[in-house]
């Protein structure tokens, strides 16, 4: 891809991320094009439809989370890495609430993008979880899929009371600890 085309694609994804975060599934493609400073033809050269654009936005965010999981695994002790990742994930889910609504409303739950994202998140979290389990810090019966749902629940549950996110997450972390 030429450099200018790559820049246009990146601008479209950034503009779409902001629009979907602010407006959920009601975000308009016209608004996204305007925010990106490109024409409609540029949008459709990169993304065949709204679902493809939304999928690219969601996938980019998940890839960023997975990269953070790798960074934490490489730089922090296992329990600290796991806790740091859970905190980042809660913050991400809270800040991207409108994006989550758009994803659920638009993308097929068994589609390629959501399957990739689910597997990528579970893989990143699973690596951190296994490391903390191997050191004896975390119970052996904790599953990455359950832990992902718990962190999402903390994000949703603290949406109208952001000051409760950290105490709620601490309850989850305390519940993970091996006895």
N, C-alpha and C. Protein backbone atom coordinates (compact mmCIF):
# COMPACT_ATOMS: atom_id res chain seq x y z
N UNK A 1 0.84 -1.17 0.00
CA UNK A 1 0.00 0.00 0.00
C UNK A 1 0.89 1.25 0.00
N UNK A 2 0.55 2.18 -0.87
CA UNK A 2 1.31 3.43 -0.92
C UNK A 2 1.20 4.17 0.42
N UNK A 3 2.18 5.01 0.70
CA UNK A 3 2.21 5.73 1.98
C UNK A 3 0.98 6.61 2.16
N UNK A 4 0.55 7.31 1.10
CA UNK A 4 -0.62 8.18 1.23
C UNK A 4 -1.89 7.36 1.46
N UNK A 5 -2.00 6.23 0.81
CA UNK A 5 -3.16 5.35 1.00
C UNK A 5 -3.17 4.80 2.42
N UNK A 6 -2.00 4.42 2.93
CA UNK A 6 -1.90 3.91 4.30
C UNK A 6 -2.31 5.00 5.30
N UNK A 7 -1.85 6.23 5.07
CA UNK A 7 -2.22 7.34 5.95
C UNK A 7 -3.73 7.58 5.92
N UNK A 8 -4.32 7.54 4.74
CA UNK A 8 -5.77 7.72 4.62
C UNK A 8 -6.52 6.62 5.38
N UNK A 9 -6.06 5.40 5.25
CA UNK A 9 -6.69 4.27 5.96
C UNK A 9 -6.59 4.48 7.47
N UNK A 10 -5.42 4.89 7.93
CA UNK A 10 -5.22 5.14 9.37
C UNK A 10 -6.11 6.28 9.85
N UNK A 11 -6.24 7.34 9.05
CA UNK A 11 -7.11 8.46 9.42
C UNK A 11 -8.57 8.02 9.49
N UNK A 12 -8.98 7.19 8.55
CA UNK A 12 -10.35 6.68 8.56
C UNK A 12 -10.62 5.83 9.81
N UNK A 13 -9.68 4.98 10.16
CA UNK A 13 -9.85 4.14 11.35
C UNK A 13 -9.92 5.00 12.60
N UNK A 14 -9.04 5.98 12.70
CA UNK A 14 -9.04 6.87 13.87
C UNK A 14 -10.36 7.65 13.95
N UNK A 15 -10.80 8.20 12.84
CA UNK A 15 -12.05 8.96 12.82
C UNK A 15 -13.23 8.05 13.15
N UNK A 16 -13.23 6.85 12.63
CA UNK A 16 -14.31 5.90 12.90
C UNK A 16 -14.31 5.49 14.37
N UNK A 17 -13.13 5.26 14.93
CA UNK A 17 -13.04 4.89 16.35
C UNK A 17 -13.67 5.99 17.20
N UNK A 18 -13.34 7.23 16.92
CA UNK A 18 -13.91 8.35 17.68
C UNK A 18 -15.42 8.45 17.48
N UNK A 19 -15.86 8.32 16.24
CA UNK A 19 -17.30 8.44 15.95
C UNK A 19 -18.10 7.31 16.58
N UNK A 20 -17.60 6.07 16.47
CA UNK A 20 -18.32 4.94 17.06
C UNK A 20 -18.30 5.02 18.59
N UNK A 21 -17.20 5.50 19.16
CA UNK A 21 -17.12 5.65 20.61
C UNK A 21 -18.14 6.68 21.09
N UNK A 22 -18.26 7.77 20.37
CA UNK A 22 -19.19 8.84 20.76
C UNK A 22 -20.64 8.49 20.48
N UNK A 23 -20.91 7.85 19.33
CA UNK A 23 -22.29 7.70 18.86
C UNK A 23 -22.78 6.27 18.73
N UNK A 24 -21.93 5.29 19.06
CA UNK A 24 -22.34 3.89 18.93
C UNK A 24 -22.70 3.55 17.50
N UNK A 25 -23.70 2.69 17.35
CA UNK A 25 -24.08 2.25 16.01
C UNK A 25 -24.71 3.34 15.17
N UNK A 26 -25.03 4.49 15.79
CA UNK A 26 -25.64 5.61 15.06
C UNK A 26 -24.60 6.48 14.35
N UNK A 27 -23.33 6.21 14.54
CA UNK A 27 -22.29 7.00 13.88
C UNK A 27 -22.48 6.93 12.37
N UNK A 28 -22.43 8.09 11.74
CA UNK A 28 -22.67 8.11 10.29
C UNK A 28 -21.35 8.04 9.52
N UNK A 29 -21.40 7.40 8.38
CA UNK A 29 -20.22 7.32 7.53
C UNK A 29 -19.84 8.70 7.01
N UNK A 30 -20.82 9.56 6.78
CA UNK A 30 -20.54 10.93 6.34
C UNK A 30 -19.72 11.67 7.40
N UNK A 31 -20.07 11.48 8.67
CA UNK A 31 -19.32 12.11 9.76
C UNK A 31 -17.89 11.56 9.81
N UNK A 32 -17.75 10.27 9.62
CA UNK A 32 -16.43 9.65 9.65
C UNK A 32 -15.55 10.19 8.53
N UNK A 33 -16.10 10.29 7.33
CA UNK A 33 -15.37 10.83 6.18
C UNK A 33 -14.93 12.27 6.46
N UNK A 34 -15.85 13.06 7.01
CA UNK A 34 -15.53 14.46 7.32
C UNK A 34 -14.43 14.54 8.38
N UNK A 35 -14.53 13.75 9.43
CA UNK A 35 -13.51 13.75 10.49
C UNK A 35 -12.14 13.36 9.94
N UNK A 36 -12.14 12.41 9.01
CA UNK A 36 -10.88 11.93 8.46
C UNK A 36 -10.29 12.87 7.43
N UNK A 37 -11.11 13.77 6.91
CA UNK A 37 -10.64 14.71 5.90
C UNK A 37 -10.40 14.06 4.54
N UNK A 38 -11.21 13.06 4.23
CA UNK A 38 -11.11 12.36 2.94
C UNK A 38 -12.49 12.34 2.29
N UNK A 39 -12.53 11.87 1.07
CA UNK A 39 -13.80 11.76 0.37
C UNK A 39 -14.42 10.39 0.54
N UNK A 40 -15.71 10.27 0.20
CA UNK A 40 -16.40 8.98 0.32
C UNK A 40 -15.74 7.88 -0.51
N UNK A 41 -15.21 8.24 -1.66
CA UNK A 41 -14.53 7.24 -2.50
C UNK A 41 -13.34 6.62 -1.79
N UNK A 42 -12.62 7.43 -1.03
CA UNK A 42 -11.47 6.91 -0.27
C UNK A 42 -11.95 5.92 0.78
N UNK A 43 -13.05 6.24 1.44
CA UNK A 43 -13.61 5.32 2.43
C UNK A 43 -13.91 3.97 1.78
N UNK A 44 -14.60 3.99 0.65
CA UNK A 44 -15.03 2.74 0.02
C UNK A 44 -13.89 2.00 -0.69
N UNK A 45 -12.80 2.69 -1.00
CA UNK A 45 -11.63 1.99 -1.54
C UNK A 45 -10.97 1.13 -0.47
N UNK A 46 -11.07 1.59 0.78
CA UNK A 46 -10.45 0.86 1.88
C UNK A 46 -11.40 -0.12 2.57
N UNK A 47 -12.67 0.22 2.62
CA UNK A 47 -13.65 -0.58 3.36
C UNK A 47 -14.90 -0.74 2.50
N UNK A 48 -15.23 -1.98 2.19
CA UNK A 48 -16.37 -2.24 1.30
C UNK A 48 -17.69 -1.79 1.90
N UNK A 49 -17.78 -1.81 3.24
CA UNK A 49 -19.02 -1.45 3.89
C UNK A 49 -18.76 -1.03 5.34
N UNK A 50 -19.80 -0.63 6.00
CA UNK A 50 -19.73 -0.17 7.39
C UNK A 50 -19.16 -1.25 8.31
N UNK A 51 -19.58 -2.50 8.10
CA UNK A 51 -19.12 -3.61 8.94
C UNK A 51 -17.61 -3.81 8.82
N UNK A 52 -17.07 -3.66 7.62
CA UNK A 52 -15.62 -3.80 7.44
C UNK A 52 -14.86 -2.70 8.19
N UNK A 53 -15.38 -1.50 8.15
CA UNK A 53 -14.74 -0.39 8.86
C UNK A 53 -14.82 -0.61 10.37
N UNK A 54 -15.98 -0.96 10.87
CA UNK A 54 -16.14 -1.22 12.29
C UNK A 54 -15.23 -2.37 12.73
N UNK A 55 -15.16 -3.41 11.92
CA UNK A 55 -14.29 -4.54 12.23
C UNK A 55 -12.83 -4.13 12.32
N UNK A 56 -12.40 -3.27 11.41
CA UNK A 56 -11.00 -2.79 11.42
C UNK A 56 -10.72 -1.98 12.68
N UNK A 57 -11.68 -1.15 13.08
CA UNK A 57 -11.51 -0.32 14.29
C UNK A 57 -11.40 -1.23 15.51
N UNK A 58 -12.31 -2.16 15.62
CA UNK A 58 -12.33 -3.06 16.78
C UNK A 58 -11.07 -3.92 16.83
N UNK A 59 -10.69 -4.44 15.68
CA UNK A 59 -9.50 -5.30 15.61
C UNK A 59 -8.24 -4.53 16.01
N UNK A 60 -8.13 -3.28 15.57
CA UNK A 60 -6.97 -2.47 15.92
C UNK A 60 -6.88 -2.27 17.45
N UNK A 61 -8.02 -2.01 18.07
CA UNK A 61 -8.03 -1.84 19.53
C UNK A 61 -7.62 -3.10 20.26
N UNK A 62 -8.11 -4.23 19.80
CA UNK A 62 -7.77 -5.52 20.42
C UNK A 62 -6.30 -5.84 20.21
N UNK A 63 -5.78 -5.54 19.05
CA UNK A 63 -4.35 -5.77 18.80
C UNK A 63 -3.50 -4.92 19.74
N UNK A 64 -3.95 -3.69 20.01
CA UNK A 64 -3.25 -2.83 20.96
C UNK A 64 -3.27 -3.41 22.37
N UNK A 65 -4.41 -3.95 22.78
CA UNK A 65 -4.51 -4.60 24.09
C UNK A 65 -3.58 -5.82 24.16
N UNK A 66 -3.55 -6.60 23.11
CA UNK A 66 -2.69 -7.79 23.08
C UNK A 66 -1.22 -7.39 23.18
N UNK A 67 -0.86 -6.30 22.52
CA UNK A 67 0.53 -5.81 22.60
C UNK A 67 0.86 -5.38 24.03
N UNK A 68 -0.09 -4.78 24.70
CA UNK A 68 0.14 -4.39 26.10
C UNK A 68 0.30 -5.62 26.98
N UNK A 69 -0.47 -6.67 26.72
CA UNK A 69 -0.32 -7.91 27.49
C UNK A 69 1.09 -8.45 27.32
N UNK A 70 1.59 -8.43 26.09
CA UNK A 70 2.96 -8.91 25.84
C UNK A 70 3.99 -8.06 26.57
N UNK A 71 3.79 -6.75 26.53
CA UNK A 71 4.72 -5.84 27.21
C UNK A 71 4.72 -6.10 28.72
N UNK A 72 3.53 -6.24 29.32
CA UNK A 72 3.45 -6.51 30.75
C UNK A 72 4.11 -7.85 31.09
N UNK A 73 3.89 -8.85 30.25
CA UNK A 73 4.48 -10.17 30.49
C UNK A 73 6.00 -10.10 30.49
N UNK A 74 6.54 -9.24 29.64
CA UNK A 74 7.99 -9.14 29.51
C UNK A 74 8.64 -8.26 30.57
N UNK A 75 7.86 -7.38 31.20
CA UNK A 75 8.48 -6.38 32.08
C UNK A 75 8.05 -6.42 33.54
N UNK A 76 6.99 -7.16 33.87
CA UNK A 76 6.48 -7.17 35.24
C UNK A 76 6.41 -8.59 35.79
N UNK A 77 6.48 -8.73 37.10
CA UNK A 77 6.24 -10.05 37.70
C UNK A 77 4.82 -10.51 37.34
N UNK A 78 4.58 -11.82 37.30
CA UNK A 78 3.30 -12.34 36.79
C UNK A 78 2.03 -11.74 37.39
N UNK A 79 1.93 -11.64 38.70
CA UNK A 79 0.69 -11.11 39.30
C UNK A 79 0.53 -9.63 38.99
N UNK A 80 1.63 -8.88 39.00
CA UNK A 80 1.56 -7.46 38.64
C UNK A 80 1.17 -7.29 37.17
N UNK A 81 1.71 -8.15 36.32
CA UNK A 81 1.39 -8.09 34.88
C UNK A 81 -0.09 -8.36 34.66
N UNK A 82 -0.61 -9.38 35.33
CA UNK A 82 -2.03 -9.71 35.18
C UNK A 82 -2.90 -8.57 35.68
N UNK A 83 -2.60 -8.05 36.84
CA UNK A 83 -3.39 -6.96 37.41
C UNK A 83 -3.33 -5.71 36.53
N UNK A 84 -2.15 -5.39 36.04
CA UNK A 84 -2.00 -4.22 35.16
C UNK A 84 -2.84 -4.40 33.90
N UNK A 85 -2.83 -5.60 33.34
CA UNK A 85 -3.60 -5.84 32.12
C UNK A 85 -5.10 -5.74 32.40
N UNK A 86 -5.55 -6.29 33.51
CA UNK A 86 -6.97 -6.19 33.84
C UNK A 86 -7.39 -4.73 33.97
N UNK A 87 -6.54 -3.93 34.59
CA UNK A 87 -6.82 -2.50 34.76
C UNK A 87 -6.92 -1.81 33.38
N UNK A 88 -5.98 -2.12 32.50
CA UNK A 88 -5.99 -1.53 31.16
C UNK A 88 -7.24 -1.96 30.41
N UNK A 89 -7.60 -3.21 30.57
CA UNK A 89 -8.78 -3.70 29.87
C UNK A 89 -10.06 -3.02 30.37
N UNK A 90 -10.18 -2.84 31.67
CA UNK A 90 -11.34 -2.14 32.22
C UNK A 90 -11.38 -0.71 31.68
N UNK A 91 -10.24 -0.03 31.71
CA UNK A 91 -10.19 1.35 31.20
C UNK A 91 -10.56 1.40 29.72
N UNK A 92 -10.06 0.45 28.95
CA UNK A 92 -10.37 0.41 27.52
C UNK A 92 -11.88 0.21 27.32
N UNK A 93 -12.46 -0.74 28.03
CA UNK A 93 -13.88 -1.02 27.86
C UNK A 93 -14.73 0.18 28.27
N UNK A 94 -14.33 0.87 29.33
CA UNK A 94 -15.08 2.04 29.76
C UNK A 94 -14.98 3.17 28.74
N UNK A 95 -13.80 3.38 28.19
CA UNK A 95 -13.60 4.49 27.26
C UNK A 95 -14.19 4.22 25.89
N UNK A 96 -14.42 2.97 25.56
CA UNK A 96 -14.92 2.61 24.23
C UNK A 96 -16.34 2.06 24.28
N UNK A 97 -17.11 2.47 25.25
CA UNK A 97 -18.46 1.94 25.44
C UNK A 97 -19.31 2.04 24.18
N UNK A 98 -19.31 3.19 23.52
CA UNK A 98 -20.09 3.34 22.29
C UNK A 98 -19.59 2.41 21.20
N UNK A 99 -18.29 2.18 21.15
CA UNK A 99 -17.74 1.25 20.18
C UNK A 99 -18.25 -0.16 20.44
N UNK A 100 -18.29 -0.55 21.71
CA UNK A 100 -18.80 -1.88 22.07
C UNK A 100 -20.25 -2.05 21.65
N UNK A 101 -21.05 -1.03 21.85
CA UNK A 101 -22.46 -1.07 21.45
C UNK A 101 -22.54 -1.24 19.93
N UNK A 102 -21.73 -0.51 19.21
CA UNK A 102 -21.75 -0.61 17.74
C UNK A 102 -21.31 -1.99 17.29
N UNK A 103 -20.28 -2.54 17.92
CA UNK A 103 -19.80 -3.88 17.56
C UNK A 103 -20.91 -4.90 17.76
N UNK A 104 -21.54 -4.87 18.92
CA UNK A 104 -22.60 -5.84 19.22
C UNK A 104 -23.77 -5.70 18.27
N UNK A 105 -24.09 -4.47 17.88
CA UNK A 105 -25.24 -4.23 17.01
C UNK A 105 -24.95 -4.57 15.56
N UNK A 106 -23.68 -4.55 15.17
CA UNK A 106 -23.35 -4.63 13.76
C UNK A 106 -22.67 -5.93 13.32
N UNK A 107 -21.72 -6.40 14.10
CA UNK A 107 -20.92 -7.54 13.66
C UNK A 107 -21.51 -8.87 14.12
N UNK A 108 -21.40 -9.85 13.28
CA UNK A 108 -21.85 -11.20 13.58
C UNK A 108 -20.96 -11.79 14.66
N UNK A 109 -21.57 -12.28 15.74
CA UNK A 109 -20.79 -12.79 16.88
C UNK A 109 -19.94 -13.99 16.52
N UNK A 110 -20.25 -14.67 15.44
CA UNK A 110 -19.44 -15.82 15.02
C UNK A 110 -18.60 -15.48 13.79
N UNK A 111 -18.58 -14.20 13.43
CA UNK A 111 -17.82 -13.76 12.26
C UNK A 111 -16.32 -13.78 12.51
N UNK A 112 -15.59 -13.62 11.44
CA UNK A 112 -14.13 -13.70 11.47
C UNK A 112 -13.50 -12.65 12.38
N UNK A 113 -13.96 -11.42 12.32
CA UNK A 113 -13.36 -10.35 13.12
C UNK A 113 -13.57 -10.59 14.60
N UNK A 114 -14.81 -10.87 15.01
CA UNK A 114 -15.05 -11.08 16.44
C UNK A 114 -14.38 -12.35 16.94
N UNK A 115 -14.31 -13.37 16.12
CA UNK A 115 -13.60 -14.59 16.52
C UNK A 115 -12.12 -14.29 16.72
N UNK A 116 -11.52 -13.55 15.79
CA UNK A 116 -10.11 -13.16 15.93
C UNK A 116 -9.91 -12.36 17.21
N UNK A 117 -10.78 -11.37 17.44
CA UNK A 117 -10.62 -10.51 18.61
C UNK A 117 -10.80 -11.29 19.90
N UNK A 118 -11.79 -12.13 19.96
CA UNK A 118 -12.02 -12.94 21.16
C UNK A 118 -10.82 -13.85 21.43
N UNK A 119 -10.34 -14.52 20.39
CA UNK A 119 -9.19 -15.42 20.55
C UNK A 119 -7.92 -14.65 20.93
N UNK A 120 -7.74 -13.48 20.36
CA UNK A 120 -6.56 -12.67 20.65
C UNK A 120 -6.57 -12.19 22.10
N UNK A 121 -7.72 -11.69 22.57
CA UNK A 121 -7.82 -11.25 23.95
C UNK A 121 -7.65 -12.41 24.93
N UNK A 122 -8.31 -13.52 24.64
CA UNK A 122 -8.17 -14.68 25.52
C UNK A 122 -6.73 -15.19 25.53
N UNK A 123 -6.07 -15.12 24.38
CA UNK A 123 -4.68 -15.56 24.31
C UNK A 123 -3.76 -14.68 25.13
N UNK A 124 -3.90 -13.37 24.98
CA UNK A 124 -3.06 -12.43 25.73
C UNK A 124 -3.31 -12.55 27.22
N UNK A 125 -4.58 -12.56 27.61
CA UNK A 125 -4.92 -12.71 29.02
C UNK A 125 -4.52 -14.08 29.53
N UNK A 126 -4.73 -15.10 28.70
CA UNK A 126 -4.40 -16.47 29.10
C UNK A 126 -2.93 -16.63 29.42
N UNK A 127 -2.08 -16.00 28.65
CA UNK A 127 -0.63 -16.07 28.90
C UNK A 127 -0.30 -15.46 30.26
N UNK A 128 -0.87 -14.30 30.55
CA UNK A 128 -0.63 -13.64 31.84
C UNK A 128 -1.22 -14.46 32.99
N UNK A 129 -2.40 -14.99 32.78
CA UNK A 129 -3.06 -15.79 33.80
C UNK A 129 -2.26 -17.06 34.12
N UNK A 130 -1.82 -17.77 33.08
CA UNK A 130 -1.03 -19.00 33.29
C UNK A 130 0.26 -18.71 34.05
N UNK A 131 0.91 -17.60 33.71
CA UNK A 131 2.15 -17.25 34.40
C UNK A 131 1.88 -17.01 35.89
N UNK A 132 0.79 -16.31 36.20
CA UNK A 132 0.44 -16.05 37.60
C UNK A 132 -0.01 -17.34 38.30
N UNK A 133 -0.62 -18.25 37.58
CA UNK A 133 -0.99 -19.54 38.16
C UNK A 133 0.25 -20.39 38.43
N UNK A 134 1.21 -20.34 37.53
CA UNK A 134 2.44 -21.13 37.70
C UNK A 134 3.26 -20.67 38.89
N UNK A 135 3.17 -19.40 39.24
CA UNK A 135 3.90 -18.91 40.42
C UNK A 135 3.12 -19.14 41.70
N UNK A 136 1.90 -19.65 41.56
CA UNK A 136 1.08 -19.92 42.74
C UNK A 136 0.31 -18.71 43.23
N UNK A 137 0.34 -17.61 42.49
CA UNK A 137 -0.37 -16.39 42.90
C UNK A 137 -1.87 -16.46 42.63
N UNK A 138 -2.26 -17.21 41.59
CA UNK A 138 -3.66 -17.24 41.16
C UNK A 138 -4.17 -18.68 41.20
N UNK A 139 -5.42 -18.81 41.59
CA UNK A 139 -6.09 -20.11 41.64
C UNK A 139 -5.99 -20.82 40.29
N UNK A 140 -5.92 -22.12 40.35
CA UNK A 140 -5.78 -22.93 39.12
C UNK A 140 -7.09 -23.03 38.33
N UNK A 141 -8.23 -22.79 38.97
CA UNK A 141 -9.52 -23.00 38.32
C UNK A 141 -10.05 -21.78 37.57
N UNK A 142 -9.25 -20.74 37.44
CA UNK A 142 -9.70 -19.53 36.74
C UNK A 142 -9.47 -19.68 35.25
N UNK A 143 -10.47 -19.37 34.48
CA UNK A 143 -10.45 -19.49 33.02
C UNK A 143 -10.37 -18.10 32.39
N UNK A 144 -9.57 -17.92 31.33
CA UNK A 144 -9.47 -16.60 30.69
C UNK A 144 -10.81 -16.02 30.22
N UNK A 145 -11.69 -16.87 29.70
CA UNK A 145 -12.99 -16.38 29.20
C UNK A 145 -13.82 -15.80 30.35
N UNK A 146 -13.79 -16.46 31.49
CA UNK A 146 -14.53 -15.97 32.65
C UNK A 146 -13.94 -14.65 33.14
N UNK A 147 -12.62 -14.59 33.19
CA UNK A 147 -11.95 -13.39 33.66
C UNK A 147 -12.20 -12.21 32.72
N UNK A 148 -12.25 -12.46 31.42
CA UNK A 148 -12.58 -11.39 30.47
C UNK A 148 -13.97 -10.83 30.75
N UNK A 149 -14.91 -11.71 30.98
CA UNK A 149 -16.28 -11.26 31.27
C UNK A 149 -16.36 -10.49 32.58
N UNK A 150 -15.60 -10.95 33.57
CA UNK A 150 -15.59 -10.23 34.85
C UNK A 150 -15.05 -8.81 34.68
N UNK A 151 -13.97 -8.66 33.94
CA UNK A 151 -13.41 -7.31 33.76
C UNK A 151 -14.36 -6.44 32.95
N UNK A 152 -15.03 -7.03 31.98
CA UNK A 152 -16.03 -6.27 31.23
C UNK A 152 -17.17 -5.85 32.16
N UNK A 153 -17.55 -6.73 33.06
CA UNK A 153 -18.61 -6.41 34.02
C UNK A 153 -18.21 -5.26 34.93
N UNK A 154 -16.95 -5.22 35.32
CA UNK A 154 -16.47 -4.11 36.14
C UNK A 154 -16.60 -2.81 35.34
N UNK A 155 -16.22 -2.84 34.08
CA UNK A 155 -16.31 -1.63 33.24
C UNK A 155 -17.75 -1.16 33.12
N UNK A 156 -18.65 -2.08 32.82
CA UNK A 156 -20.06 -1.71 32.67
C UNK A 156 -20.64 -1.27 34.01
N UNK A 157 -20.30 -2.00 35.08
CA UNK A 157 -20.84 -1.71 36.40
C UNK A 157 -20.38 -0.39 36.98
N UNK A 158 -19.25 0.11 36.51
CA UNK A 158 -18.74 1.37 37.04
C UNK A 158 -18.94 2.54 36.08
N UNK A 159 -19.70 2.28 35.02
CA UNK A 159 -19.92 3.31 34.01
C UNK A 159 -20.47 4.61 34.58
N UNK A 160 -21.46 4.51 35.45
CA UNK A 160 -22.07 5.71 36.04
C UNK A 160 -21.45 6.10 37.37
N UNK A 161 -20.49 5.31 37.82
CA UNK A 161 -19.77 5.60 39.08
C UNK A 161 -18.31 5.22 38.87
N UNK A 162 -17.56 6.01 38.07
CA UNK A 162 -16.18 5.65 37.72
C UNK A 162 -15.27 5.44 38.92
N UNK A 163 -15.59 6.10 40.03
CA UNK A 163 -14.76 5.94 41.22
C UNK A 163 -14.85 4.52 41.81
N UNK A 164 -15.83 3.74 41.36
CA UNK A 164 -15.97 2.37 41.85
C UNK A 164 -15.20 1.34 41.03
N UNK A 165 -14.67 1.74 39.89
CA UNK A 165 -13.97 0.79 39.02
C UNK A 165 -12.81 0.12 39.74
N UNK A 166 -11.96 0.91 40.36
CA UNK A 166 -10.78 0.33 41.03
C UNK A 166 -11.16 -0.56 42.21
N UNK A 167 -12.06 -0.14 43.11
CA UNK A 167 -12.46 -1.05 44.19
C UNK A 167 -13.11 -2.33 43.67
N UNK A 168 -13.92 -2.22 42.62
CA UNK A 168 -14.54 -3.42 42.04
C UNK A 168 -13.48 -4.34 41.44
N UNK A 169 -12.54 -3.76 40.73
CA UNK A 169 -11.47 -4.57 40.15
C UNK A 169 -10.64 -5.24 41.24
N UNK A 170 -10.43 -4.53 42.34
CA UNK A 170 -9.65 -5.12 43.44
C UNK A 170 -10.36 -6.34 44.03
N UNK A 171 -11.69 -6.31 44.08
CA UNK A 171 -12.44 -7.49 44.54
C UNK A 171 -12.19 -8.66 43.59
N UNK A 172 -12.20 -8.39 42.30
CA UNK A 172 -11.92 -9.45 41.31
C UNK A 172 -10.51 -10.00 41.51
N UNK A 173 -9.54 -9.12 41.63
CA UNK A 173 -8.14 -9.55 41.80
C UNK A 173 -7.99 -10.36 43.08
N UNK A 174 -8.61 -9.90 44.16
CA UNK A 174 -8.54 -10.65 45.42
C UNK A 174 -9.17 -12.03 45.27
N UNK A 175 -10.24 -12.11 44.49
CA UNK A 175 -10.90 -13.40 44.26
C UNK A 175 -10.08 -14.36 43.42
N UNK A 176 -9.12 -13.84 42.68
CA UNK A 176 -8.24 -14.68 41.85
C UNK A 176 -7.16 -15.37 42.67
N UNK A 177 -6.79 -14.76 43.78
CA UNK A 177 -5.63 -15.23 44.54
C UNK A 177 -5.81 -16.65 45.04
N UNK A 178 -4.71 -17.40 44.96
CA UNK A 178 -4.70 -18.77 45.49
C UNK A 178 -4.78 -18.69 47.01
N UNK A 179 -5.45 -19.66 47.58
CA UNK A 179 -5.59 -19.69 49.04
C UNK A 179 -4.48 -20.49 49.66
